[in-house]
């Protein structure tokens, strides 16, 4: 009797949790309200905005990640300068030479 009661309880619990996870129908948009435009890059960047523990980023961390992901700001200038940081002999710059080159390149890119 106890096993049967437990099995029924477990089945009821699982059916309720499955019902709670179904998606609610989307509410119709108001005719006077503009629709939100989401670019494909923004949606993929938002989908990838996850911490190392697997939780979604929020607040300033999310804003910073999305900005970097979309290629805005100083990070795109740094990436462009990184590819140009090559010496006369064709080898990548290193140490103080690279630091100096990157500083000058990023300052020029900001102008």
Protein backbone atom coordinates (compact mmCIF):
# COMPACT_ATOMS: atom_id res chain seq x y z
CA UNK A 1 0.00 0.00 0.00
CA UNK A 2 2.82 2.38 0.90
CA UNK A 3 4.69 1.73 -2.37
CA UNK A 4 1.52 2.31 -4.40
CA UNK A 5 0.84 5.60 -2.61
CA UNK A 6 4.40 6.74 -3.17
CA UNK A 7 4.26 5.79 -6.86
CA UNK A 8 1.02 7.72 -7.34
CA UNK A 9 2.46 10.72 -5.52
CA UNK A 10 5.62 10.65 -7.66
CA UNK A 11 3.59 10.34 -10.88
CA UNK A 12 1.40 13.27 -9.87
CA UNK A 13 4.45 15.35 -8.99
CA UNK A 14 6.11 14.68 -12.35
CA UNK A 15 2.95 15.47 -14.27
CA UNK A 16 2.59 18.78 -12.45
CA UNK A 17 6.20 19.76 -13.08
CA UNK A 18 5.88 18.87 -16.77
CA UNK A 19 2.74 20.96 -17.00
CA UNK A 20 4.42 23.93 -15.32
CA UNK A 21 7.27 23.87 -17.85
CA UNK A 22 5.09 24.26 -20.93
CA UNK A 23 5.46 27.62 -22.66
CA UNK A 24 2.72 30.15 -22.19
CA UNK A 25 1.26 31.63 -25.36
CA UNK A 26 2.78 34.94 -26.36
CA UNK A 27 0.69 37.99 -25.64
CA UNK A 28 -0.37 39.89 -28.75
CA UNK A 29 1.54 43.13 -29.32
CA UNK A 30 -0.32 46.38 -28.99
CA UNK A 31 -0.98 48.02 -32.34
CA UNK A 32 0.58 51.34 -31.29
CA UNK A 33 3.75 49.92 -29.73
CA UNK A 34 6.83 49.47 -31.94
CA UNK A 35 8.23 45.97 -32.15
CA UNK A 36 11.65 45.40 -30.62
CA UNK A 37 14.32 44.82 -33.23
CA UNK A 38 16.92 42.23 -32.28
CA UNK A 39 19.87 41.76 -34.58
CA UNK A 40 21.19 38.24 -35.08
CA UNK A 41 24.56 39.23 -33.60
CA UNK A 42 22.91 40.61 -30.47
CA UNK A 43 20.81 37.50 -29.93
CA UNK A 44 23.78 35.14 -30.34
CA UNK A 45 25.90 37.29 -28.02
CA UNK A 46 23.15 37.30 -25.41
CA UNK A 47 22.85 33.54 -25.70
CA UNK A 48 26.59 33.16 -25.11
CA UNK A 49 26.61 35.56 -22.10
CA UNK A 50 27.07 32.80 -19.53
CA UNK A 51 29.47 32.67 -16.58
CA UNK A 52 32.02 29.92 -16.08
CA UNK A 53 29.62 28.24 -13.67
CA UNK A 54 26.91 28.12 -16.34
CA UNK A 55 24.67 30.85 -14.96
CA UNK A 56 23.53 33.72 -17.22
CA UNK A 57 25.44 36.98 -16.78
CA UNK A 58 23.56 40.03 -15.48
CA UNK A 59 24.16 43.73 -15.07
CA UNK A 60 27.51 45.25 -15.93
CA UNK A 61 29.12 41.88 -16.64
CA UNK A 62 26.48 41.10 -19.27
CA UNK A 63 26.77 44.57 -20.83
CA UNK A 64 30.55 44.27 -21.01
CA UNK A 65 30.38 40.78 -22.52
CA UNK A 66 27.86 41.82 -25.18
CA UNK A 67 29.90 44.91 -26.08
CA UNK A 68 33.02 42.80 -26.48
CA UNK A 69 31.13 40.09 -28.36
CA UNK A 70 29.64 42.55 -30.85
CA UNK A 71 33.08 44.05 -31.47
CA UNK A 72 32.45 47.51 -30.09
CA UNK A 73 34.82 49.67 -28.10
CA UNK A 74 38.52 49.34 -27.42
CA UNK A 75 38.54 45.56 -27.73
CA UNK A 76 38.09 45.73 -31.51
CA UNK A 77 40.93 48.27 -31.76
CA UNK A 78 43.13 46.05 -29.63
CA UNK A 79 42.37 43.05 -31.81
CA UNK A 80 43.16 45.01 -34.96
CA UNK A 81 46.42 46.32 -33.47
CA UNK A 82 47.38 42.83 -32.29
CA UNK A 83 47.38 41.57 -35.88
CA UNK A 84 49.56 44.49 -36.97
CA UNK A 85 52.13 44.02 -34.18
CA UNK A 86 54.79 42.45 -36.41
CA UNK A 87 58.44 43.44 -36.67
CA UNK A 88 60.44 44.10 -39.86
CA UNK A 89 61.62 40.51 -39.88
CA UNK A 90 58.02 39.22 -39.96
CA UNK A 91 58.03 37.89 -36.41
CA UNK A 92 55.43 39.03 -33.85
CA UNK A 93 56.58 41.81 -31.53
CA UNK A 94 57.15 40.96 -27.87
CA UNK A 95 57.91 42.73 -24.60
CA UNK A 96 58.44 46.49 -24.52
CA UNK A 97 58.32 46.80 -28.32
CA UNK A 98 54.86 45.23 -28.41
CA UNK A 99 53.63 47.31 -25.48
CA UNK A 100 54.80 50.52 -27.12
CA UNK A 101 53.33 49.57 -30.49
CA UNK A 102 49.97 48.59 -28.98
CA UNK A 103 49.73 51.82 -26.97
CA UNK A 104 50.43 53.96 -30.04
CA UNK A 105 48.17 51.91 -32.32
CA UNK A 106 45.21 52.02 -29.91
CA UNK A 107 45.65 55.78 -29.40
CA UNK A 108 45.64 56.30 -33.17
CA UNK A 109 42.53 54.12 -33.51
CA UNK A 110 40.69 56.16 -30.86
CA UNK A 111 41.15 59.39 -32.83
